[in-house]
Amino acid sequence: MNNDARKEFILKAAEESSHLRRTMAESLAPALMELADTISGVIGSGGKILICGNGGSAADSSHMAAEMIVRLTSQRTRQSLPALALNADTAVMTAAGNDFGFEQIFARQVEGLGNKGDLLLLISTSGNSANLLRAAETAHHKGLRTAALLGGTGGKLASLVDKKLIVPHTSVQRIQEEQIFLIHLLVELVESDLVG
């Protein structure tokens, strides 16, 4: 690919991303505000947020947990918010994978760490990962609330969670770009609700 073609490729990706963000912001704003209210309510009632995903979504899970525990921006210093990325502990994940199978790596943690009144937030581009489906089922069994950031049609997870935000696109990279945008908005809205 020559430089003109590469530049055209970059501009096309930027336009696609920009259009998706505008469309998504308009269509998902009510559900986004509702999920932020749910997260604020869970934390305000003494609960915590358990977050998990695979691959890039695992990184996004850790990213969100860090922003809740530490802070989103240096413009607002506030108390730490209770959040935990279930994909962060490699010893737990590899032990659970070895002893119970990869499908159980998050469900075992939800079983051990989740309490009624907590929220399990699942992040997935496809919504079809077996380990996320098992985690959602375990969360319901234990009385946790559930939510998901999804892409495409939402996959099987869409029908298993209480609340969902679905990025309406088929490209994994476009979905992940918008999911991190949604994460930043969620944390900012929660901070605003809880801190002012």
N, C-alpha and C. Protein backbone atom coordinates (compact mmCIF):
# COMPACT_ATOMS: atom_id res chain seq x y z
N MET A 1 0.86 -1.17 0.00
CA MET A 1 0.00 0.00 0.00
C MET A 1 0.91 1.24 0.00
N ASN A 2 0.70 2.13 -0.96
CA ASN A 2 1.50 3.35 -0.99
C ASN A 2 0.97 4.37 0.02
N ASN A 3 1.68 5.48 0.18
CA ASN A 3 1.32 6.45 1.21
C ASN A 3 -0.03 7.10 0.96
N ASP A 4 -0.40 7.34 -0.29
CA ASP A 4 -1.72 7.91 -0.59
C ASP A 4 -2.83 6.94 -0.16
N ALA A 5 -2.64 5.67 -0.47
CA ALA A 5 -3.63 4.67 -0.08
C ALA A 5 -3.69 4.53 1.44
N ARG A 6 -2.53 4.61 2.10
CA ARG A 6 -2.51 4.52 3.57
C ARG A 6 -3.23 5.70 4.20
N LYS A 7 -3.00 6.89 3.63
CA LYS A 7 -3.68 8.08 4.16
C LYS A 7 -5.19 7.95 3.98
N GLU A 8 -5.61 7.47 2.82
CA GLU A 8 -7.05 7.28 2.57
C GLU A 8 -7.64 6.26 3.54
N PHE A 9 -6.88 5.21 3.82
CA PHE A 9 -7.31 4.20 4.78
C PHE A 9 -7.52 4.82 6.17
N ILE A 10 -6.57 5.67 6.59
CA ILE A 10 -6.66 6.33 7.90
C ILE A 10 -7.87 7.26 7.96
N LEU A 11 -8.06 8.06 6.92
CA LEU A 11 -9.19 9.01 6.90
C LEU A 11 -10.53 8.27 6.90
N LYS A 12 -10.59 7.15 6.17
CA LYS A 12 -11.84 6.37 6.13
C LYS A 12 -12.14 5.78 7.51
N ALA A 13 -11.12 5.26 8.19
CA ALA A 13 -11.32 4.72 9.54
C ALA A 13 -11.77 5.80 10.51
N ALA A 14 -11.18 6.99 10.40
CA ALA A 14 -11.56 8.10 11.28
C ALA A 14 -13.00 8.53 11.03
N GLU A 15 -13.40 8.57 9.78
CA GLU A 15 -14.78 8.96 9.45
C GLU A 15 -15.77 7.91 9.96
N GLU A 16 -15.43 6.65 9.77
CA GLU A 16 -16.28 5.55 10.24
C GLU A 16 -16.45 5.63 11.76
N SER A 17 -15.34 5.85 12.45
CA SER A 17 -15.37 5.94 13.91
C SER A 17 -16.18 7.15 14.38
N SER A 18 -15.99 8.28 13.73
CA SER A 18 -16.71 9.50 14.08
C SER A 18 -18.22 9.34 13.89
N HIS A 19 -18.60 8.74 12.78
CA HIS A 19 -20.02 8.52 12.51
C HIS A 19 -20.63 7.56 13.54
N LEU A 20 -19.90 6.49 13.86
CA LEU A 20 -20.39 5.53 14.84
C LEU A 20 -20.57 6.18 16.21
N ARG A 21 -19.62 7.02 16.61
CA ARG A 21 -19.71 7.66 17.93
C ARG A 21 -20.94 8.56 18.01
N ARG A 22 -21.20 9.34 16.98
CA ARG A 22 -22.38 10.22 16.98
C ARG A 22 -23.66 9.39 17.06
N THR A 23 -23.74 8.38 16.22
CA THR A 23 -24.94 7.52 16.19
C THR A 23 -25.14 6.83 17.53
N MET A 24 -24.06 6.29 18.07
CA MET A 24 -24.13 5.56 19.33
C MET A 24 -24.50 6.48 20.48
N ALA A 25 -23.90 7.66 20.54
CA ALA A 25 -24.18 8.58 21.64
C ALA A 25 -25.66 8.95 21.67
N GLU A 26 -26.24 9.15 20.51
CA GLU A 26 -27.66 9.49 20.44
C GLU A 26 -28.53 8.32 20.87
N SER A 27 -28.22 7.13 20.39
CA SER A 27 -29.09 5.99 20.66
C SER A 27 -28.89 5.39 22.05
N LEU A 28 -27.67 5.48 22.60
CA LEU A 28 -27.39 4.82 23.87
C LEU A 28 -27.43 5.75 25.08
N ALA A 29 -27.61 7.05 24.88
CA ALA A 29 -27.58 7.99 26.01
C ALA A 29 -28.54 7.60 27.14
N PRO A 30 -29.80 7.27 26.86
CA PRO A 30 -30.70 6.91 27.97
C PRO A 30 -30.23 5.66 28.73
N ALA A 31 -29.81 4.63 28.01
CA ALA A 31 -29.34 3.40 28.66
C ALA A 31 -28.04 3.64 29.41
N LEU A 32 -27.18 4.51 28.88
CA LEU A 32 -25.92 4.85 29.54
C LEU A 32 -26.20 5.55 30.88
N MET A 33 -27.11 6.51 30.88
CA MET A 33 -27.46 7.21 32.11
C MET A 33 -28.08 6.25 33.13
N GLU A 34 -28.89 5.34 32.64
CA GLU A 34 -29.53 4.36 33.52
C GLU A 34 -28.50 3.42 34.15
N LEU A 35 -27.51 2.98 33.36
CA LEU A 35 -26.47 2.12 33.91
C LEU A 35 -25.62 2.89 34.91
N ALA A 36 -25.30 4.14 34.62
CA ALA A 36 -24.54 4.97 35.57
C ALA A 36 -25.30 5.10 36.88
N ASP A 37 -26.62 5.31 36.80
CA ASP A 37 -27.44 5.40 38.01
C ASP A 37 -27.41 4.09 38.80
N THR A 38 -27.43 2.97 38.08
CA THR A 38 -27.37 1.66 38.74
C THR A 38 -26.04 1.48 39.46
N ILE A 39 -24.95 1.82 38.78
CA ILE A 39 -23.62 1.69 39.41
C ILE A 39 -23.53 2.59 40.63
N SER A 40 -24.00 3.82 40.51
CA SER A 40 -23.98 4.75 41.65
C SER A 40 -24.81 4.20 42.80
N GLY A 41 -25.97 3.61 42.47
CA GLY A 41 -26.83 3.03 43.50
C GLY A 41 -26.18 1.86 44.20
N VAL A 42 -25.51 1.00 43.44
CA VAL A 42 -24.81 -0.15 44.02
C VAL A 42 -23.73 0.33 44.99
N ILE A 43 -22.92 1.28 44.55
CA ILE A 43 -21.84 1.79 45.39
C ILE A 43 -22.41 2.54 46.59
N GLY A 44 -23.44 3.35 46.36
CA GLY A 44 -24.06 4.10 47.45
C GLY A 44 -24.68 3.22 48.51
N SER A 45 -25.04 1.99 48.13
CA SER A 45 -25.64 1.04 49.08
C SER A 45 -24.60 0.11 49.70
N GLY A 46 -23.32 0.37 49.45
CA GLY A 46 -22.26 -0.44 50.04
C GLY A 46 -21.81 -1.60 49.21
N GLY A 47 -22.27 -1.68 47.96
CA GLY A 47 -21.85 -2.77 47.09
C GLY A 47 -20.61 -2.43 46.29
N LYS A 48 -20.16 -3.39 45.50
CA LYS A 48 -18.97 -3.20 44.68
C LYS A 48 -19.26 -3.62 43.24
N ILE A 49 -18.35 -3.21 42.35
CA ILE A 49 -18.49 -3.52 40.94
C ILE A 49 -17.40 -4.53 40.57
N LEU A 50 -17.81 -5.70 40.09
CA LEU A 50 -16.90 -6.72 39.58
C LEU A 50 -16.92 -6.61 38.05
N ILE A 51 -15.75 -6.54 37.44
CA ILE A 51 -15.66 -6.29 35.99
C ILE A 51 -14.81 -7.39 35.36
N CYS A 52 -15.24 -7.89 34.19
CA CYS A 52 -14.42 -8.89 33.52
C CYS A 52 -14.63 -8.88 32.02
N GLY A 53 -13.62 -9.40 31.32
CA GLY A 53 -13.64 -9.53 29.87
C GLY A 53 -12.43 -10.33 29.43
N ASN A 54 -12.37 -10.64 28.16
CA ASN A 54 -11.26 -11.41 27.57
C ASN A 54 -10.46 -10.54 26.61
N GLY A 55 -9.18 -10.79 26.51
CA GLY A 55 -8.34 -10.08 25.54
C GLY A 55 -8.35 -8.58 25.76
N GLY A 56 -8.66 -7.83 24.69
CA GLY A 56 -8.74 -6.37 24.81
C GLY A 56 -9.77 -5.94 25.83
N SER A 57 -10.84 -6.71 25.96
CA SER A 57 -11.88 -6.39 26.94
C SER A 57 -11.39 -6.64 28.37
N ALA A 58 -10.43 -7.53 28.54
CA ALA A 58 -9.80 -7.71 29.85
C ALA A 58 -9.01 -6.46 30.21
N ALA A 59 -8.28 -5.92 29.22
CA ALA A 59 -7.55 -4.68 29.45
C ALA A 59 -8.50 -3.54 29.78
N ASP A 60 -9.64 -3.49 29.10
CA ASP A 60 -10.64 -2.46 29.39
C ASP A 60 -11.24 -2.64 30.79
N SER A 61 -11.39 -3.88 31.22
CA SER A 61 -11.87 -4.16 32.57
C SER A 61 -10.91 -3.61 33.61
N SER A 62 -9.62 -3.88 33.42
CA SER A 62 -8.61 -3.37 34.33
C SER A 62 -8.55 -1.85 34.29
N HIS A 63 -8.69 -1.29 33.09
CA HIS A 63 -8.69 0.16 32.91
C HIS A 63 -9.83 0.79 33.71
N MET A 64 -11.02 0.24 33.59
CA MET A 64 -12.16 0.80 34.31
C MET A 64 -11.99 0.67 35.82
N ALA A 65 -11.54 -0.49 36.28
CA ALA A 65 -11.34 -0.68 37.71
C ALA A 65 -10.31 0.32 38.25
N ALA A 66 -9.24 0.54 37.49
CA ALA A 66 -8.21 1.50 37.91
C ALA A 66 -8.79 2.91 38.03
N GLU A 67 -9.60 3.29 37.07
CA GLU A 67 -10.18 4.63 37.11
C GLU A 67 -11.16 4.79 38.27
N MET A 68 -11.82 3.72 38.64
CA MET A 68 -12.74 3.80 39.77
C MET A 68 -11.98 3.79 41.10
N ILE A 69 -10.97 2.95 41.21
CA ILE A 69 -10.19 2.87 42.45
C ILE A 69 -9.34 4.14 42.65
N VAL A 70 -8.70 4.60 41.59
CA VAL A 70 -7.79 5.74 41.71
C VAL A 70 -8.54 7.03 41.43
N ARG A 71 -8.74 7.35 40.17
CA ARG A 71 -9.56 8.49 39.74
C ARG A 71 -9.51 8.56 38.22
N LEU A 72 -10.48 9.25 37.67
CA LEU A 72 -10.55 9.40 36.22
C LEU A 72 -9.68 10.56 35.75
N THR A 73 -9.73 11.66 36.47
CA THR A 73 -9.00 12.86 36.06
C THR A 73 -8.38 13.55 37.27
N SER A 74 -7.30 14.25 37.04
CA SER A 74 -6.66 14.98 38.14
C SER A 74 -7.47 16.20 38.56
N GLN A 75 -8.49 16.56 37.78
CA GLN A 75 -9.35 17.68 38.15
C GLN A 75 -10.30 17.34 39.30
N ARG A 76 -10.47 16.05 39.58
CA ARG A 76 -11.40 15.65 40.64
C ARG A 76 -10.73 14.60 41.52
N THR A 77 -10.42 14.99 42.75
CA THR A 77 -9.91 14.04 43.72
C THR A 77 -11.08 13.61 44.59
N ARG A 78 -11.26 12.35 44.73
CA ARG A 78 -12.39 11.82 45.50
C ARG A 78 -11.99 10.50 46.14
N GLN A 79 -12.87 10.00 46.99
CA GLN A 79 -12.58 8.72 47.63
C GLN A 79 -12.57 7.61 46.58
N SER A 80 -11.89 6.55 46.89
CA SER A 80 -11.81 5.40 46.01
C SER A 80 -13.18 4.74 45.89
N LEU A 81 -13.51 4.29 44.69
CA LEU A 81 -14.78 3.60 44.45
C LEU A 81 -14.51 2.11 44.34
N PRO A 82 -15.35 1.26 44.95
CA PRO A 82 -15.07 -0.18 45.02
C PRO A 82 -15.30 -0.91 43.69
N ALA A 83 -14.21 -1.25 43.04
CA ALA A 83 -14.27 -1.97 41.77
C ALA A 83 -13.11 -2.96 41.69
N LEU A 84 -13.35 -4.07 41.04
CA LEU A 84 -12.35 -5.12 40.95
C LEU A 84 -12.41 -5.75 39.56
N ALA A 85 -11.26 -5.79 38.87
CA ALA A 85 -11.16 -6.47 37.58
C ALA A 85 -10.84 -7.94 37.83
N LEU A 86 -11.75 -8.82 37.48
CA LEU A 86 -11.58 -10.25 37.77
C LEU A 86 -10.49 -10.90 36.92
N ASN A 87 -10.06 -10.23 35.86
CA ASN A 87 -9.01 -10.79 35.02
C ASN A 87 -7.62 -10.38 35.50
N ALA A 88 -7.51 -9.64 36.60
CA ALA A 88 -6.22 -9.08 37.03
C ALA A 88 -5.36 -10.07 37.81
N ASP A 89 -5.95 -11.09 38.41
CA ASP A 89 -5.18 -12.02 39.25
C ASP A 89 -4.84 -13.28 38.45
N THR A 90 -3.62 -13.33 37.93
CA THR A 90 -3.23 -14.46 37.08
C THR A 90 -3.18 -15.78 37.84
N ALA A 91 -2.85 -15.74 39.14
CA ALA A 91 -2.81 -16.98 39.92
C ALA A 91 -4.20 -17.59 40.03
N VAL A 92 -5.19 -16.75 40.33
CA VAL A 92 -6.57 -17.24 40.44
C VAL A 92 -7.06 -17.74 39.08
N MET A 93 -6.82 -16.95 38.04
CA MET A 93 -7.32 -17.34 36.71
C MET A 93 -6.69 -18.64 36.22
N THR A 94 -5.39 -18.78 36.39
CA THR A 94 -4.75 -20.01 35.90
C THR A 94 -5.11 -21.21 36.75
N ALA A 95 -5.27 -21.02 38.05
CA ALA A 95 -5.69 -22.13 38.91
C ALA A 95 -7.11 -22.57 38.55
N ALA A 96 -8.01 -21.60 38.40
CA ALA A 96 -9.40 -21.94 38.04
C ALA A 96 -9.45 -22.59 36.67
N GLY A 97 -8.66 -22.07 35.72
CA GLY A 97 -8.63 -22.66 34.38
C GLY A 97 -8.10 -24.08 34.40
N ASN A 98 -7.07 -24.31 35.20
CA ASN A 98 -6.47 -25.63 35.29
C ASN A 98 -7.40 -26.63 35.99
N ASP A 99 -8.00 -26.20 37.09
CA ASP A 99 -8.80 -27.12 37.91
C ASP A 99 -10.24 -27.26 37.45
N PHE A 100 -10.82 -26.21 36.87
CA PHE A 100 -12.24 -26.25 36.51
C PHE A 100 -12.53 -25.97 35.04
N GLY A 101 -11.53 -25.52 34.29
CA GLY A 101 -11.72 -25.20 32.88
C GLY A 101 -11.83 -23.70 32.67
N PHE A 102 -11.40 -23.25 31.48
CA PHE A 102 -11.39 -21.82 31.16
C PHE A 102 -12.77 -21.18 31.28
N GLU A 103 -13.81 -21.97 31.04
CA GLU A 103 -15.17 -21.44 31.11
C GLU A 103 -15.54 -20.97 32.52
N GLN A 104 -14.81 -21.41 33.53
CA GLN A 104 -15.15 -21.12 34.92
C GLN A 104 -14.26 -20.05 35.57
N ILE A 105 -13.33 -19.45 34.84
CA ILE A 105 -12.35 -18.56 35.49
C ILE A 105 -12.99 -17.34 36.14
N PHE A 106 -14.09 -16.84 35.59
CA PHE A 106 -14.76 -15.69 36.20
C PHE A 106 -15.88 -16.14 37.14
N ALA A 107 -16.56 -17.20 36.78
CA ALA A 107 -17.66 -17.69 37.62
C ALA A 107 -17.16 -18.05 39.02
N ARG A 108 -15.98 -18.68 39.11
CA ARG A 108 -15.43 -19.03 40.43
C ARG A 108 -15.19 -17.78 41.27
N GLN A 109 -14.74 -16.71 40.63
CA GLN A 109 -14.49 -15.47 41.36
C GLN A 109 -15.79 -14.78 41.76
N VAL A 110 -16.78 -14.82 40.88
CA VAL A 110 -18.08 -14.25 41.23
C VAL A 110 -18.66 -15.02 42.42
N GLU A 111 -18.50 -16.34 42.40
CA GLU A 111 -18.98 -17.17 43.50
C GLU A 111 -18.30 -16.80 44.81
N GLY A 112 -16.99 -16.57 44.78
CA GLY A 112 -16.25 -16.29 46.00
C GLY A 112 -16.27 -14.84 46.44
N LEU A 113 -16.34 -13.91 45.50
CA LEU A 113 -16.21 -12.49 45.83
C LEU A 113 -17.51 -11.70 45.75
N GLY A 114 -18.45 -12.20 44.98
CA GLY A 114 -19.69 -11.45 44.75
C GLY A 114 -20.70 -11.64 45.87
N ASN A 115 -21.38 -10.56 46.19
CA ASN A 115 -22.44 -10.60 47.20
C ASN A 115 -23.72 -9.99 46.63
N LYS A 116 -24.83 -10.37 47.19
CA LYS A 116 -26.09 -9.77 46.78
C LYS A 116 -25.97 -8.26 46.94
N GLY A 117 -26.38 -7.53 45.93
CA GLY A 117 -26.25 -6.08 45.95
C GLY A 117 -25.07 -5.57 45.16
N ASP A 118 -24.12 -6.45 44.82
CA ASP A 118 -23.01 -6.07 43.96
C ASP A 118 -23.48 -6.07 42.50
N LEU A 119 -22.63 -5.57 41.63
CA LEU A 119 -22.92 -5.57 40.19
C LEU A 119 -21.77 -6.23 39.45
N LEU A 120 -22.09 -7.17 38.56
CA LEU A 120 -21.11 -7.77 37.66
C LEU A 120 -21.25 -7.07 36.32
N LEU A 121 -20.16 -6.43 35.87
CA LEU A 121 -20.13 -5.77 34.56
C LEU A 121 -19.25 -6.58 33.63
N LEU A 122 -19.84 -7.08 32.55
CA LEU A 122 -19.13 -7.91 31.58
C LEU A 122 -18.85 -7.08 30.34
N ILE A 123 -17.63 -7.17 29.83
CA ILE A 123 -17.26 -6.42 28.62
C ILE A 123 -16.88 -7.42 27.54
N SER A 124 -17.55 -7.31 26.38
CA SER A 124 -17.32 -8.28 25.30
C SER A 124 -17.70 -7.66 23.97
N THR A 125 -16.93 -7.94 22.94
CA THR A 125 -17.31 -7.47 21.61
C THR A 125 -18.36 -8.38 20.98
N SER A 126 -18.31 -9.67 21.30
CA SER A 126 -19.23 -10.63 20.68
C SER A 126 -20.42 -10.98 21.57
N GLY A 127 -20.19 -11.01 22.87
CA GLY A 127 -21.23 -11.44 23.79
C GLY A 127 -21.42 -12.94 23.84
N ASN A 128 -20.47 -13.69 23.33
CA ASN A 128 -20.64 -15.14 23.25
C ASN A 128 -19.57 -15.95 23.98
N SER A 129 -18.69 -15.32 24.72
CA SER A 129 -17.62 -16.05 25.40
C SER A 129 -18.20 -16.91 26.53
N ALA A 130 -17.84 -18.18 26.52
CA ALA A 130 -18.40 -19.12 27.50
C ALA A 130 -18.09 -18.70 28.94
N ASN A 131 -16.89 -18.16 29.19
CA ASN A 131 -16.56 -17.79 30.56
C ASN A 131 -17.38 -16.59 31.05
N LEU A 132 -17.78 -15.71 30.16
CA LEU A 132 -18.63 -14.59 30.54
C LEU A 132 -20.07 -15.05 30.75
N LEU A 133 -20.52 -15.97 29.93
CA LEU A 133 -21.87 -16.52 30.09
C LEU A 133 -21.99 -17.23 31.45
N ARG A 134 -20.98 -18.03 31.81
CA ARG A 134 -20.99 -18.72 33.12
C ARG A 134 -20.95 -17.72 34.26
N ALA A 135 -20.18 -16.65 34.10
CA ALA A 135 -20.09 -15.63 35.15
C ALA A 135 -21.45 -14.96 35.35
N ALA A 136 -22.15 -14.65 34.26
CA ALA A 136 -23.47 -14.02 34.36
C ALA A 136 -24.46 -14.95 35.06
N GLU A 137 -24.41 -16.22 34.70
CA GLU A 137 -25.31 -17.20 35.34
C GLU A 137 -25.03 -17.31 36.83
N THR A 138 -23.77 -17.34 37.21
CA THR A 138 -23.39 -17.43 38.62
C THR A 138 -23.83 -16.17 39.36
N ALA A 139 -23.67 -15.02 38.72
CA ALA A 139 -24.08 -13.76 39.34
C ALA A 139 -25.58 -13.76 39.63
N HIS A 140 -26.37 -14.21 38.69
CA HIS A 140 -27.83 -14.27 38.91
C HIS A 140 -28.16 -15.23 40.05
N HIS A 141 -27.48 -16.37 40.07
CA HIS A 141 -27.71 -17.37 41.12
C HIS A 141 -27.40 -16.78 42.51
N LYS A 142 -26.39 -15.92 42.59
CA LYS A 142 -25.98 -15.33 43.87
C LYS A 142 -26.73 -14.04 44.20
N GLY A 143 -27.56 -13.54 43.29
CA GLY A 143 -28.33 -12.33 43.55
C GLY A 143 -27.62 -11.04 43.21
N LEU A 144 -26.57 -11.11 42.37
CA LEU A 144 -25.92 -9.89 41.91
C LEU A 144 -26.71 -9.29 40.76
N ARG A 145 -26.60 -8.00 40.59
CA ARG A 145 -27.11 -7.35 39.39
C ARG A 145 -26.08 -7.60 38.28
N THR A 146 -26.53 -7.53 37.04
CA THR A 146 -25.62 -7.75 35.93
C THR A 146 -25.80 -6.69 34.86
N ALA A 147 -24.71 -6.37 34.19
CA ALA A 147 -24.73 -5.42 33.07
C ALA A 147 -23.63 -5.81 32.11
N ALA A 148 -23.73 -5.34 30.88
CA ALA A 148 -22.70 -5.67 29.89
C ALA A 148 -22.52 -4.55 28.90
N LEU A 149 -21.27 -4.37 28.47
CA LEU A 149 -20.92 -3.54 27.32
C LEU A 149 -20.63 -4.52 26.20
N LEU A 150 -21.42 -4.44 25.14
CA LEU A 150 -21.38 -5.44 24.07
C LEU A 150 -21.25 -4.77 22.71
N GLY A 151 -21.10 -5.60 21.68
CA GLY A 151 -21.04 -5.10 20.31
C GLY A 151 -21.91 -5.93 19.40
N GLY A 152 -22.05 -5.48 18.17
CA GLY A 152 -22.83 -6.20 17.17
C GLY A 152 -24.28 -6.35 17.58
N THR A 153 -24.74 -7.59 17.72
CA THR A 153 -26.12 -7.86 18.14
C THR A 153 -26.20 -8.09 19.65
N GLY A 154 -25.06 -8.14 20.31
CA GLY A 154 -25.04 -8.40 21.76
C GLY A 154 -24.79 -9.85 22.10
N GLY A 155 -24.95 -10.74 21.14
CA GLY A 155 -24.70 -12.15 21.37
C GLY A 155 -25.59 -12.74 22.45
N LYS A 156 -25.18 -13.88 22.99
CA LYS A 156 -25.97 -14.59 24.01
C LYS A 156 -26.04 -13.82 25.32
N LEU A 157 -25.02 -13.01 25.61
CA LEU A 157 -25.02 -12.26 26.87
C LEU A 157 -26.15 -11.24 26.94
N ALA A 158 -26.56 -10.72 25.80
CA ALA A 158 -27.58 -9.67 25.79
C ALA A 158 -28.85 -10.10 26.51
N SER A 159 -29.20 -11.38 26.41
CA SER A 159 -30.42 -11.85 27.07
C SER A 159 -30.18 -12.32 28.49
N LEU A 160 -28.92 -12.36 28.92
CA LEU A 160 -28.60 -12.85 30.27
C LEU A 160 -28.36 -11.74 31.29
N VAL A 161 -28.26 -10.50 30.84
CA VAL A 161 -27.93 -9.40 31.76
C VAL A 161 -29.12 -8.48 31.97
N ASP A 162 -29.09 -7.81 33.12
CA ASP A 162 -30.18 -6.88 33.46
C ASP A 162 -30.13 -5.62 32.61
N LYS A 163 -28.91 -5.12 32.37
CA LYS A 163 -28.74 -3.89 31.59
C LYS A 163 -27.62 -4.11 30.58
N LYS A 164 -27.77 -3.49 29.41
CA LYS A 164 -26.76 -3.66 28.37
C LYS A 164 -26.62 -2.40 27.54
N LEU A 165 -25.39 -2.16 27.10
CA LEU A 165 -25.08 -1.12 26.13
C LEU A 165 -24.42 -1.83 24.96
N ILE A 166 -25.07 -1.80 23.80
CA ILE A 166 -24.57 -2.52 22.63
C ILE A 166 -24.10 -1.53 21.58
N VAL A 167 -22.82 -1.59 21.26
CA VAL A 167 -22.26 -0.76 20.20
C VAL A 167 -22.67 -1.39 18.87
N PRO A 168 -23.46 -0.67 18.06
CA PRO A 168 -24.03 -1.27 16.85
C PRO A 168 -23.05 -1.31 15.67
N HIS A 169 -22.08 -2.21 15.77
CA HIS A 169 -21.09 -2.33 14.69
C HIS A 169 -20.54 -3.76 14.70
N THR A 170 -19.95 -4.17 13.59
CA THR A 170 -19.39 -5.53 13.50
C THR A 170 -17.88 -5.57 13.62
N SER A 171 -17.21 -4.42 13.48
CA SER A 171 -15.75 -4.38 13.56
C SER A 171 -15.30 -4.38 15.02
N VAL A 172 -14.46 -5.35 15.39
CA VAL A 172 -13.99 -5.46 16.77
C VAL A 172 -13.29 -4.19 17.21
N GLN A 173 -12.42 -3.62 16.36
CA GLN A 173 -11.71 -2.42 16.78
C GLN A 173 -12.63 -1.23 16.96
N ARG A 174 -13.63 -1.06 16.10
CA ARG A 174 -14.58 0.06 16.29
C ARG A 174 -15.39 -0.15 17.58
N ILE A 175 -15.80 -1.39 17.84
CA ILE A 175 -16.55 -1.68 19.06
C ILE A 175 -15.71 -1.36 20.29
N GLN A 176 -14.44 -1.81 20.30
CA GLN A 176 -13.58 -1.56 21.46
C GLN A 176 -13.31 -0.08 21.66
N GLU A 177 -13.16 0.67 20.57
CA GLU A 177 -12.95 2.12 20.70
C GLU A 177 -14.15 2.77 21.39
N GLU A 178 -15.33 2.36 21.00
CA GLU A 178 -16.53 2.96 21.59
C GLU A 178 -16.77 2.46 23.01
N GLN A 179 -16.38 1.23 23.29
CA GLN A 179 -16.55 0.73 24.66
C GLN A 179 -15.68 1.50 25.64
N ILE A 180 -14.48 1.88 25.25
CA ILE A 180 -13.65 2.67 26.17
C ILE A 180 -14.24 4.06 26.34
N PHE A 181 -14.84 4.60 25.30
CA PHE A 181 -15.56 5.88 25.41
C PHE A 181 -16.71 5.74 26.40
N LEU A 182 -17.46 4.65 26.30
CA LEU A 182 -18.57 4.41 27.24
C LEU A 182 -18.06 4.24 28.67
N ILE A 183 -16.94 3.56 28.83
CA ILE A 183 -16.35 3.38 30.17
C ILE A 183 -16.00 4.73 30.77
N HIS A 184 -15.35 5.58 30.00
CA HIS A 184 -14.99 6.91 30.51
C HIS A 184 -16.24 7.69 30.90
N LEU A 185 -17.26 7.64 30.07
CA LEU A 185 -18.51 8.35 30.39
C LEU A 185 -19.16 7.78 31.65
N LEU A 186 -19.19 6.46 31.77
CA LEU A 186 -19.78 5.84 32.96
C LEU A 186 -19.07 6.28 34.23
N VAL A 187 -17.74 6.24 34.22
CA VAL A 187 -16.99 6.62 35.42
C VAL A 187 -17.23 8.10 35.73
N GLU A 188 -17.25 8.93 34.69
CA GLU A 188 -17.47 10.36 34.93
C GLU A 188 -18.86 10.63 35.49
N LEU A 189 -19.86 9.94 34.96
CA LEU A 189 -21.23 10.11 35.46
C LEU A 189 -21.36 9.62 36.90
N VAL A 190 -20.73 8.49 37.20
CA VAL A 190 -20.77 7.94 38.56
C VAL A 190 -20.07 8.89 39.53
N GLU A 191 -18.92 9.39 39.14
CA GLU A 191 -18.21 10.37 39.97
C GLU A 191 -19.10 11.58 40.25
N SER A 192 -19.74 12.06 39.21
CA SER A 192 -20.62 13.22 39.35
C SER A 192 -21.78 12.92 40.29
N ASP A 193 -22.35 11.73 40.17
CA ASP A 193 -23.46 11.33 41.04
C ASP A 193 -23.04 11.22 42.50
N LEU A 194 -21.88 10.61 42.72
CA LEU A 194 -21.48 10.29 44.08
C LEU A 194 -20.67 11.38 44.78
N VAL A 195 -19.97 12.18 43.97
CA VAL A 195 -19.09 13.21 44.53
C VAL A 195 -19.59 14.61 44.25
N GLY A 196 -20.16 14.82 43.08
CA GLY A 196 -20.65 16.15 42.72
C GLY A 196 -19.63 16.91 41.90
